[in-house]
């Protein structure tokens, strides 16, 4: 009896360290973070690169934080699939890049951020891991030679131009002049370009328009180019000579390391008296004197009708703005509700499928599932698969995931049309099953158990 027990104890003592060693040596995900450069001019970009690698391959896109920093503008740049070999094991993942543009000088830091990933540690089994990101810090500064710039603007290849549109060649009172100023630059977002201040002049009524901001990235490495368009309409109210002052934009040239000035010339306007308006005014003056007596007699003879007409016009003038605002507000509410709806998200998925971009299709699918209530509360791909019970659907979604997250991206063949048909069919079946389940639960609501409903029913008087 003692001998078998001793043999079992000896075998356990030999196997236990091996199992512990195997658990300790299990491959773990890898995260690498770099920030370049660590010191940057205000307005220019510090590039944040994050590499996430997992053993074998990922089964879903990593869940990233927003990396929003106070007094800075964060833009997500391109992402690329990566793979590498470690100790004979293939690691696959994604590299993300973000551009952070500080708006003020000082120190900036990002800390306490995590990334959640799901990966096939031992296919087909999956694991989920939360990786802590190291503290990320950089500094923004204004060059000493540019300390007098107010506001400070740093860019590359900045240019400014203007166009002037006139409602007629020979300007006269009542005409309009539109002045448009366009600023183009590289290396800075359009939202950081300063607005153009249009001068106000006596005799001209100024109507500034909303600015237009555009950002575009091109090339490898990506180069950010931005465009800001400011425009204003001047209504010519009085005759005379006017000068719209020039526009000067002082900026720090990153390449030349100096202050440059972007300039557009002044605009001269000669406004003449409108003959039609002058003739009409003289004619009206002569007529007013002759017809005022007759108009006064009509008002005296029909003062009650005139009073009612004035009251009706005043009421209509008071109600019209309220009605217009109510109609506009209702339209905006309906539009906002539609943009948040499941129908809008599914149509976005259809548009992405027509383009055939696997990444766009997959992320559109995730966005739609967040609004598809029958798979609540998880709103995940796994919950959708479970509710659908469709092996063909599982194959189509799996093909997209392998095309995006496998070590050889794009190798797995997938069909946008097949995926959309399977998802659409599963959507109809799941919604139909959910409606049937709701109808089966319907009779239970005829006798509510809520004390508040019962109390309200008790307060009602019986019908007589």
Protein backbone atom coordinates (compact mmCIF):
# COMPACT_ATOMS: atom_id res chain seq x y z
CA UNK A 1 0.00 0.00 0.00
CA UNK A 2 2.78 2.37 0.86
CA UNK A 3 4.82 1.54 -2.24
CA UNK A 4 2.14 2.58 -4.87
CA UNK A 5 1.48 5.75 -2.87
CA UNK A 6 5.18 6.65 -2.90
CA UNK A 7 5.41 6.01 -6.65
CA UNK A 8 2.38 8.29 -7.30
CA UNK A 9 3.86 11.02 -5.13
CA UNK A 10 7.18 10.81 -6.97
CA UNK A 11 5.46 11.02 -10.39
CA UNK A 12 3.39 14.06 -9.33
CA UNK A 13 6.51 15.84 -8.07
CA UNK A 14 8.14 15.31 -11.47
CA UNK A 15 5.12 16.34 -13.59
CA UNK A 16 4.02 19.43 -11.59
CA UNK A 17 7.14 21.57 -12.32
CA UNK A 18 6.83 20.74 -16.04
CA UNK A 19 3.20 21.88 -16.10
CA UNK A 20 4.09 25.07 -14.24
CA UNK A 21 6.96 25.72 -16.65
CA UNK A 22 4.63 25.18 -19.65
CA UNK A 23 2.13 27.68 -18.25
CA UNK A 24 4.86 30.22 -17.61
CA UNK A 25 6.30 29.83 -21.11
CA UNK A 26 2.94 30.20 -22.94
CA UNK A 27 3.32 32.87 -25.62
CA UNK A 28 1.77 36.23 -24.74
CA UNK A 29 0.69 39.18 -26.92
CA UNK A 30 3.18 41.97 -27.58
CA UNK A 31 2.61 45.73 -27.64
CA UNK A 32 5.23 48.27 -28.72
CA UNK A 33 4.79 52.06 -28.51
CA UNK A 34 6.97 54.80 -30.04
CA UNK A 35 6.51 58.56 -30.32
CA UNK A 36 8.52 60.62 -32.81
CA UNK A 37 9.75 63.26 -32.37
CA UNK A 38 9.73 63.77 -28.57
CA UNK A 39 9.94 67.55 -29.07
CA UNK A 40 7.85 69.27 -31.72
CA UNK A 41 6.92 72.80 -32.85
CA UNK A 42 3.41 73.91 -31.84
CA UNK A 43 0.92 72.91 -34.54
CA UNK A 44 3.20 70.27 -36.08
CA UNK A 45 2.62 66.55 -35.66
CA UNK A 46 4.16 64.12 -33.20
CA UNK A 47 3.59 60.65 -34.69
CA UNK A 48 2.41 57.95 -32.28
CA UNK A 49 2.99 54.36 -33.48
CA UNK A 50 1.44 51.38 -31.72
CA UNK A 51 2.21 47.79 -32.75
CA UNK A 52 0.01 45.01 -31.38
CA UNK A 53 1.06 41.42 -32.09
CA UNK A 54 -0.55 38.20 -30.91
CA UNK A 55 0.42 34.52 -31.19
CA UNK A 56 -0.98 32.93 -34.36
CA UNK A 57 -3.57 35.56 -35.39
CA UNK A 58 -6.21 37.91 -34.00
CA UNK A 59 -9.87 36.99 -34.21
CA UNK A 60 -11.15 40.57 -33.96
CA UNK A 61 -9.75 44.09 -34.37
CA UNK A 62 -8.03 45.48 -31.26
CA UNK A 63 -10.08 47.86 -29.11
CA UNK A 64 -8.07 51.09 -28.99
CA UNK A 65 -8.53 54.20 -26.84
CA UNK A 66 -9.09 57.55 -28.53
CA UNK A 67 -5.73 59.08 -27.54
CA UNK A 68 -7.39 62.48 -27.15
CA UNK A 69 -5.13 65.03 -25.48
CA UNK A 70 -6.17 68.35 -24.01
CA UNK A 71 -5.15 71.36 -26.15
CA UNK A 72 -4.16 69.05 -29.01
CA UNK A 73 -5.72 67.66 -32.18
CA UNK A 74 -5.41 63.88 -32.70
CA UNK A 75 -5.81 62.36 -36.16
CA UNK A 76 -5.68 58.66 -36.94
CA UNK A 77 -3.37 57.87 -39.83
CA UNK A 78 -3.01 54.63 -41.77
CA UNK A 79 -2.93 51.15 -40.23
CA UNK A 80 -1.08 48.15 -41.61
CA UNK A 81 -1.00 44.40 -40.93
CA UNK A 82 2.25 42.97 -39.60
CA UNK A 83 3.72 39.57 -38.78
CA UNK A 84 6.99 38.29 -37.37
CA UNK A 85 8.63 35.08 -36.15
CA UNK A 86 9.58 34.54 -32.50
CA UNK A 87 11.05 31.27 -31.27
CA UNK A 88 9.53 29.42 -34.21
CA UNK A 89 6.05 30.85 -33.58
CA UNK A 90 4.30 33.31 -35.92
CA UNK A 91 2.95 36.50 -34.39
CA UNK A 92 0.39 38.53 -36.38
CA UNK A 93 -1.08 41.92 -35.66
CA UNK A 94 -1.62 45.52 -36.70
CA UNK A 95 0.42 48.73 -36.58
CA UNK A 96 -1.58 51.89 -35.90
CA UNK A 97 -0.36 55.45 -36.40
CA UNK A 98 -1.75 58.66 -34.93
CA UNK A 99 -0.73 62.28 -35.51
CA UNK A 100 -0.97 64.55 -32.45
CA UNK A 101 -0.86 68.31 -33.16
CA UNK A 102 -0.33 70.38 -29.98
CA UNK A 103 -1.99 73.80 -30.00
CA UNK A 104 -0.01 75.39 -27.16
CA UNK A 105 3.56 75.13 -25.88
CA UNK A 106 4.18 72.85 -22.91
CA UNK A 107 4.42 69.20 -21.88
CA UNK A 108 1.89 66.63 -23.04
CA UNK A 109 1.36 63.09 -21.72
CA UNK A 110 -0.95 60.12 -22.27
CA UNK A 111 -1.14 57.58 -19.45
CA UNK A 112 -3.45 54.93 -18.05
CA UNK A 113 -4.51 53.65 -21.50
CA UNK A 114 -5.17 49.99 -22.35
CA UNK A 115 -5.75 47.91 -25.47
CA UNK A 116 -8.02 44.84 -25.52
CA UNK A 117 -7.35 42.11 -28.08
CA UNK A 118 -8.80 38.69 -28.93
CA UNK A 119 -6.52 36.11 -30.51
CA UNK A 120 -6.32 32.43 -31.37
CA UNK A 121 -3.82 31.21 -28.81
CA UNK A 122 -4.51 27.55 -29.62
CA UNK A 123 -6.89 27.51 -32.62
CA UNK A 124 -9.80 27.24 -32.63
CA UNK A 125 -9.83 28.35 -28.97
CA UNK A 126 -9.58 32.11 -28.45
CA UNK A 127 -8.32 34.28 -25.62
CA UNK A 128 -8.91 37.86 -24.61
CA UNK A 129 -6.16 40.01 -23.14
CA UNK A 130 -5.96 43.60 -21.91
CA UNK A 131 -2.56 45.19 -22.48
CA UNK A 132 -1.48 48.30 -20.58
CA UNK A 133 0.25 50.97 -22.64
CA UNK A 134 3.31 52.71 -21.24
CA UNK A 135 3.17 56.41 -20.44
CA UNK A 136 3.64 58.50 -23.57
CA UNK A 137 5.06 62.03 -23.26
CA UNK A 138 6.34 64.76 -25.57
CA UNK A 139 6.97 68.49 -25.51
CA UNK A 140 5.74 71.33 -27.75
CA UNK A 141 7.54 74.66 -28.13
CA UNK A 142 7.56 77.93 -30.08
CA UNK A 143 10.91 78.93 -31.61
CA UNK A 144 12.45 82.04 -30.03
CA UNK A 145 12.56 83.80 -33.39
CA UNK A 146 8.77 83.37 -33.71
CA UNK A 147 7.76 84.35 -30.18
CA UNK A 148 6.23 87.63 -31.41
CA UNK A 149 3.73 85.94 -33.75
CA UNK A 150 0.13 86.38 -32.59
CA UNK A 151 -1.32 83.93 -33.32
CA UNK A 152 1.55 81.52 -33.85
CA UNK A 153 1.23 79.51 -37.07
CA UNK A 154 3.82 76.96 -38.22
CA UNK A 155 3.49 75.21 -41.58
CA UNK A 156 5.16 74.25 -44.86
CA UNK A 157 4.40 75.69 -48.30
CA UNK A 158 1.73 78.07 -47.04
CA UNK A 159 0.01 80.20 -49.68
CA UNK A 160 -2.94 82.61 -49.79
CA UNK A 161 -5.10 83.81 -52.67
CA UNK A 162 -8.33 85.69 -53.15
CA UNK A 163 -11.17 86.00 -55.65
CA UNK A 164 -13.66 88.88 -55.93
CA UNK A 165 -17.07 88.33 -57.53
CA UNK A 166 -19.23 91.34 -58.48
CA UNK A 167 -22.94 91.19 -59.26
CA UNK A 168 -22.35 93.67 -62.13
CA UNK A 169 -19.39 95.27 -63.91
CA UNK A 170 -20.51 98.82 -63.06
CA UNK A 171 -21.28 98.67 -59.36
CA UNK A 172 -24.20 100.68 -58.01
CA UNK A 173 -26.20 100.77 -54.81
CA UNK A 174 -28.08 97.54 -54.25
CA UNK A 175 -25.39 95.37 -55.85
CA UNK A 176 -23.26 92.81 -53.99
CA UNK A 177 -19.56 91.95 -53.92
CA UNK A 178 -18.25 88.59 -52.64
CA UNK A 179 -14.66 88.38 -51.37
CA UNK A 180 -13.20 84.87 -50.96
CA UNK A 181 -9.81 84.22 -49.33
CA UNK A 182 -8.25 80.73 -49.58
CA UNK A 183 -5.32 79.61 -47.40
CA UNK A 184 -3.41 76.41 -48.29
CA UNK A 185 -0.68 74.80 -46.17
CA UNK A 186 1.11 71.53 -45.47
CA UNK A 187 1.81 69.83 -42.16
CA UNK A 188 -1.03 71.39 -40.16
CA UNK A 189 -4.78 70.57 -39.90
CA UNK A 190 -7.17 73.06 -41.47
CA UNK A 191 -8.85 73.68 -38.12
CA UNK A 192 -5.59 75.22 -36.83
CA UNK A 193 -5.36 77.74 -39.68
CA UNK A 194 -6.43 81.18 -38.39
CA UNK A 195 -9.67 82.71 -39.70
CA UNK A 196 -9.61 85.73 -42.03
CA UNK A 197 -11.05 88.92 -40.52
CA UNK A 198 -13.10 90.89 -43.04
CA UNK A 199 -13.19 94.64 -42.49
CA UNK A 200 -16.49 96.45 -41.78
CA UNK A 201 -16.98 99.72 -43.68
CA UNK A 202 -19.64 102.38 -43.35
CA UNK A 203 -21.93 102.16 -46.36
CA UNK A 204 -21.30 98.42 -46.90
CA UNK A 205 -23.29 95.73 -45.12
CA UNK A 206 -21.09 92.72 -44.25
CA UNK A 207 -22.43 89.13 -44.32
CA UNK A 208 -19.63 86.62 -43.51
CA UNK A 209 -20.18 82.97 -44.49
CA UNK A 210 -19.26 79.80 -42.65
CA UNK A 211 -15.65 78.76 -43.39
CA UNK A 212 -14.85 75.63 -45.39
CA UNK A 213 -12.15 73.32 -43.95
CA UNK A 214 -10.56 70.45 -45.88
CA UNK A 215 -7.76 68.03 -44.97
CA UNK A 216 -6.08 65.56 -47.31
CA UNK A 217 -3.18 63.12 -46.92
CA UNK A 218 -1.13 61.82 -49.83
CA UNK A 219 2.10 59.96 -50.51
CA UNK A 220 4.33 57.66 -48.47
CA UNK A 221 5.13 58.85 -45.92
CA UNK A 222 1.78 60.60 -45.64
CA UNK A 223 1.88 64.37 -46.14
CA UNK A 224 -1.00 66.37 -44.69
CA UNK A 225 -2.28 69.24 -46.82
CA UNK A 226 -5.04 71.55 -45.62
CA UNK A 227 -7.27 74.21 -47.15
CA UNK A 228 -9.30 76.89 -45.36
CA UNK A 229 -11.73 79.04 -47.36
CA UNK A 230 -13.27 82.19 -45.81
CA UNK A 231 -15.73 84.33 -47.72
CA UNK A 232 -17.99 87.32 -47.08
CA UNK A 233 -20.64 89.22 -49.04
CA UNK A 234 -20.68 93.03 -49.04
CA UNK A 235 -24.05 94.64 -49.83
CA UNK A 236 -23.51 98.10 -51.34
CA UNK A 237 -25.87 100.44 -49.50
CA UNK A 238 -24.36 103.86 -50.24
CA UNK A 239 -22.62 105.37 -53.25
CA UNK A 240 -18.92 106.22 -52.95
CA UNK A 241 -15.39 104.85 -53.17
CA UNK A 242 -14.37 102.01 -50.85
CA UNK A 243 -11.19 100.03 -50.21
CA UNK A 244 -11.30 96.53 -48.74
CA UNK A 245 -7.94 96.35 -46.91
CA UNK A 246 -5.24 93.81 -47.83
CA UNK A 247 -4.89 90.55 -45.89
CA UNK A 248 -1.48 89.71 -44.41
CA UNK A 249 -0.82 86.36 -42.73
CA UNK A 250 2.44 86.04 -40.75
CA UNK A 251 3.60 82.43 -40.33
CA UNK A 252 6.63 80.39 -39.28
CA UNK A 253 8.26 78.59 -42.18
CA UNK A 254 9.32 75.18 -40.84
CA UNK A 255 11.71 74.45 -43.71
CA UNK A 256 13.40 77.87 -43.86
CA UNK A 257 13.22 78.47 -40.08
CA UNK A 258 12.02 82.06 -40.51
CA UNK A 259 8.90 84.23 -40.41
CA UNK A 260 7.24 84.67 -43.80
CA UNK A 261 4.27 86.81 -44.83
CA UNK A 262 1.46 85.61 -47.08
CA UNK A 263 -0.25 88.61 -48.73
CA UNK A 264 -3.28 89.43 -50.90
CA UNK A 265 -3.87 92.93 -52.28
CA UNK A 266 -6.54 95.40 -51.29
CA UNK A 267 -9.77 95.60 -53.31
CA UNK A 268 -11.01 98.97 -54.61
CA UNK A 269 -14.74 99.50 -55.18
CA UNK A 270 -16.45 102.43 -56.91
CA UNK A 271 -20.17 102.45 -56.18
CA UNK A 272 -22.48 104.72 -58.18
CA UNK A 273 -26.05 105.75 -57.42
CA UNK A 274 -28.65 103.37 -58.80
CA UNK A 275 -30.71 105.40 -61.35
CA UNK A 276 -33.68 103.09 -60.99
CA UNK A 277 -33.75 103.53 -57.25
CA UNK A 278 -33.37 107.33 -57.54
CA UNK A 279 -36.17 107.63 -60.15
CA UNK A 280 -38.44 105.42 -58.15
CA UNK A 281 -37.86 107.44 -54.99
CA UNK A 282 -38.69 110.78 -56.69
CA UNK A 283 -41.81 109.33 -58.33
CA UNK A 284 -42.95 107.80 -55.07
CA UNK A 285 -42.47 111.09 -53.26
CA UNK A 286 -44.71 112.95 -55.70
CA UNK A 287 -47.36 110.25 -55.53
CA UNK A 288 -47.38 110.01 -51.77
CA UNK A 289 -48.40 113.64 -51.41
CA UNK A 290 -51.35 113.20 -53.77
CA UNK A 291 -52.63 109.86 -52.46
CA UNK A 292 -52.18 110.31 -48.72
CA UNK A 293 -55.49 112.10 -48.31
CA UNK A 294 -57.42 109.39 -50.15
CA UNK A 295 -55.69 106.65 -48.15
CA UNK A 296 -56.56 108.42 -44.90
CA UNK A 297 -60.23 108.67 -45.88
CA UNK A 298 -60.36 104.94 -46.71
CA UNK A 299 -58.85 104.03 -43.33
CA UNK A 300 -61.32 106.27 -41.46
CA UNK A 301 -64.31 104.81 -43.32
CA UNK A 302 -63.21 101.19 -42.77
CA UNK A 303 -61.31 101.42 -39.48
CA UNK A 304 -62.76 98.18 -38.05
CA UNK A 305 -61.72 96.10 -41.07
CA UNK A 306 -58.34 97.80 -41.13
CA UNK A 307 -57.83 97.01 -37.42
CA UNK A 308 -58.73 93.34 -37.92
CA UNK A 309 -56.39 93.10 -40.90
CA UNK A 310 -53.51 94.60 -38.91
CA UNK A 311 -54.16 92.20 -36.01
CA UNK A 312 -54.26 89.23 -38.41
CA UNK A 313 -50.99 90.29 -40.02
CA UNK A 314 -49.36 90.77 -36.61
CA UNK A 315 -50.53 87.33 -35.45
CA UNK A 316 -49.30 85.71 -38.66
CA UNK A 317 -45.95 87.46 -38.32
CA UNK A 318 -45.67 86.17 -34.74
CA UNK A 319 -46.69 82.59 -35.59
CA UNK A 320 -44.66 82.08 -38.77
CA UNK A 321 -41.20 82.00 -37.09
CA UNK A 322 -42.52 79.57 -34.46
CA UNK A 323 -43.97 77.30 -37.13
CA UNK A 324 -40.79 77.41 -39.21
CA UNK A 325 -38.62 76.64 -36.17
CA UNK A 326 -40.91 73.77 -35.18
CA UNK A 327 -40.78 72.27 -38.69
CA UNK A 328 -36.98 72.61 -38.84
CA UNK A 329 -36.55 71.11 -35.35
CA UNK A 330 -38.81 68.19 -36.22
CA UNK A 331 -36.87 67.53 -39.43
CA UNK A 332 -33.58 67.61 -37.53
CA UNK A 333 -34.91 65.20 -34.89
CA UNK A 334 -36.10 62.79 -37.58
CA UNK A 335 -32.77 63.07 -39.41
CA UNK A 336 -30.75 62.52 -36.22
CA UNK A 337 -32.92 59.52 -35.29
CA UNK A 338 -32.41 58.03 -38.76
CA UNK A 339 -28.62 58.47 -38.55
CA UNK A 340 -28.67 56.58 -35.23
CA UNK A 341 -31.00 53.86 -36.50
CA UNK A 342 -30.28 50.26 -37.34
CA UNK A 343 -31.61 50.79 -40.88
CA UNK A 344 -28.99 53.48 -41.61
CA UNK A 345 -26.18 51.29 -40.26
CA UNK A 346 -27.30 48.32 -42.40
CA UNK A 347 -27.41 50.50 -45.52
CA UNK A 348 -23.86 51.62 -44.71
CA UNK A 349 -22.90 47.93 -44.55
CA UNK A 350 -24.43 47.41 -48.01
CA UNK A 351 -22.49 50.34 -49.46
CA UNK A 352 -19.24 49.02 -47.98
CA UNK A 353 -19.92 45.54 -49.39
CA UNK A 354 -20.42 46.97 -52.89
CA UNK A 355 -16.91 48.49 -52.74
CA UNK A 356 -15.38 45.13 -51.76
CA UNK A 357 -13.05 46.52 -49.04
CA UNK A 358 -12.73 43.84 -46.34
CA UNK A 359 -11.73 46.30 -43.61
CA UNK A 360 -14.58 48.70 -44.40
CA UNK A 361 -17.08 45.81 -44.54
CA UNK A 362 -15.95 44.35 -41.22
CA UNK A 363 -16.08 47.64 -39.33
CA UNK A 364 -19.45 48.48 -40.91
CA UNK A 365 -20.68 45.08 -39.66
CA UNK A 366 -19.49 45.88 -36.13
CA UNK A 367 -21.19 49.29 -36.24
CA UNK A 368 -24.47 47.74 -37.42
CA UNK A 369 -24.40 45.11 -34.66
CA UNK A 370 -24.16 47.88 -32.06
CA UNK A 371 -27.63 49.00 -33.23
CA UNK A 372 -29.19 45.57 -33.87
CA UNK A 373 -31.31 45.08 -30.73
CA UNK A 374 -32.07 41.32 -31.13
CA UNK A 375 -28.40 40.56 -30.26
CA UNK A 376 -28.43 42.78 -27.16
CA UNK A 377 -26.79 43.22 -24.72
CA UNK A 378 -23.50 41.91 -26.19
CA UNK A 379 -23.95 43.37 -29.71
CA UNK A 380 -20.97 41.30 -30.88
CA UNK A 381 -20.20 39.10 -33.85
CA UNK A 382 -20.31 36.02 -31.61
CA UNK A 383 -23.79 36.95 -30.35
CA UNK A 384 -24.95 37.41 -33.95
CA UNK A 385 -23.54 34.02 -34.96
CA UNK A 386 -25.25 32.35 -32.01
CA UNK A 387 -28.61 33.92 -32.82
CA UNK A 388 -28.34 33.14 -36.55
CA UNK A 389 -27.47 29.40 -36.32
CA UNK A 390 -26.12 29.53 -39.87
CA UNK A 391 -22.94 27.62 -40.68
CA UNK A 392 -22.59 29.36 -44.06
CA UNK A 393 -22.76 32.74 -42.32
CA UNK A 394 -20.03 31.64 -39.92
CA UNK A 395 -17.85 30.67 -42.87
CA UNK A 396 -18.33 34.03 -44.61
CA UNK A 397 -17.55 36.06 -41.47
CA UNK A 398 -14.59 33.82 -40.71
CA UNK A 399 -13.22 34.37 -44.22
CA UNK A 400 -13.34 38.15 -43.72
CA UNK A 401 -11.61 37.86 -40.34
CA UNK A 402 -8.89 35.67 -41.79
CA UNK A 403 -8.40 38.09 -44.66
CA UNK A 404 -7.87 40.92 -42.18
CA UNK A 405 -6.11 39.36 -39.22
CA UNK A 406 -4.35 36.21 -40.42
CA UNK A 407 -0.54 36.19 -40.86
CA UNK A 408 -1.03 36.38 -44.64
CA UNK A 409 -3.65 39.14 -45.03
CA UNK A 410 -5.81 38.90 -48.11
CA UNK A 411 -4.96 35.24 -48.71
CA UNK A 412 -8.37 33.97 -47.61
CA UNK A 413 -10.96 34.34 -50.35
CA UNK A 414 -14.24 35.99 -49.39
CA UNK A 415 -17.27 37.17 -51.36
CA UNK A 416 -18.93 40.51 -50.47
CA UNK A 417 -22.13 39.41 -52.19
CA UNK A 418 -22.32 36.09 -50.33
CA UNK A 419 -21.55 37.79 -47.01
CA UNK A 420 -24.25 40.43 -47.54
CA UNK A 421 -26.86 37.83 -48.53
CA UNK A 422 -26.10 35.68 -45.48
CA UNK A 423 -26.14 38.67 -43.12
CA UNK A 424 -29.37 39.99 -44.66
CA UNK A 425 -31.08 36.61 -44.38
CA UNK A 426 -29.96 36.18 -40.77
CA UNK A 427 -31.18 39.70 -40.01
CA UNK A 428 -34.69 38.91 -41.29
CA UNK A 429 -34.88 35.58 -39.44
CA UNK A 430 -33.66 36.99 -36.13
CA UNK A 431 -36.06 39.94 -36.31
CA UNK A 432 -38.95 37.60 -37.17
CA UNK A 433 -38.11 35.31 -34.24
CA UNK A 434 -37.84 38.30 -31.91
CA UNK A 435 -41.26 39.57 -33.04
CA UNK A 436 -42.83 36.13 -32.42
CA UNK A 437 -41.30 35.97 -28.97
CA UNK A 438 -42.66 39.43 -28.18
CA UNK A 439 -46.17 38.38 -29.28
CA UNK A 440 -46.00 35.31 -27.07
CA UNK A 441 -45.15 37.54 -24.13
CA UNK A 442 -47.96 39.96 -25.02
CA UNK A 443 -50.88 38.50 -22.93
CA UNK A 444 -48.82 38.78 -19.78
CA UNK A 445 -48.90 42.55 -20.13
CA UNK A 446 -52.70 42.70 -19.94
CA UNK A 447 -52.54 42.30 -16.15
CA UNK A 448 -49.55 44.39 -15.11
CA UNK A 449 -47.99 43.61 -11.78
CA UNK A 450 -46.53 47.10 -11.41
CA UNK A 451 -47.84 48.68 -8.17
CA UNK A 452 -47.85 52.12 -9.81
CA UNK A 453 -50.21 50.90 -12.58
CA UNK A 454 -52.51 49.24 -10.05
CA UNK A 455 -52.64 52.37 -7.92
CA UNK A 456 -53.51 54.50 -10.93
CA UNK A 457 -56.31 52.09 -11.88
CA UNK A 458 -57.71 52.25 -8.36
CA UNK A 459 -57.94 56.04 -8.53
CA UNK A 460 -60.09 55.94 -11.67
CA UNK A 461 -63.82 56.31 -11.21
CA UNK A 462 -66.05 53.57 -12.61
CA UNK A 463 -67.88 54.29 -15.86
CA UNK A 464 -71.54 55.09 -15.49
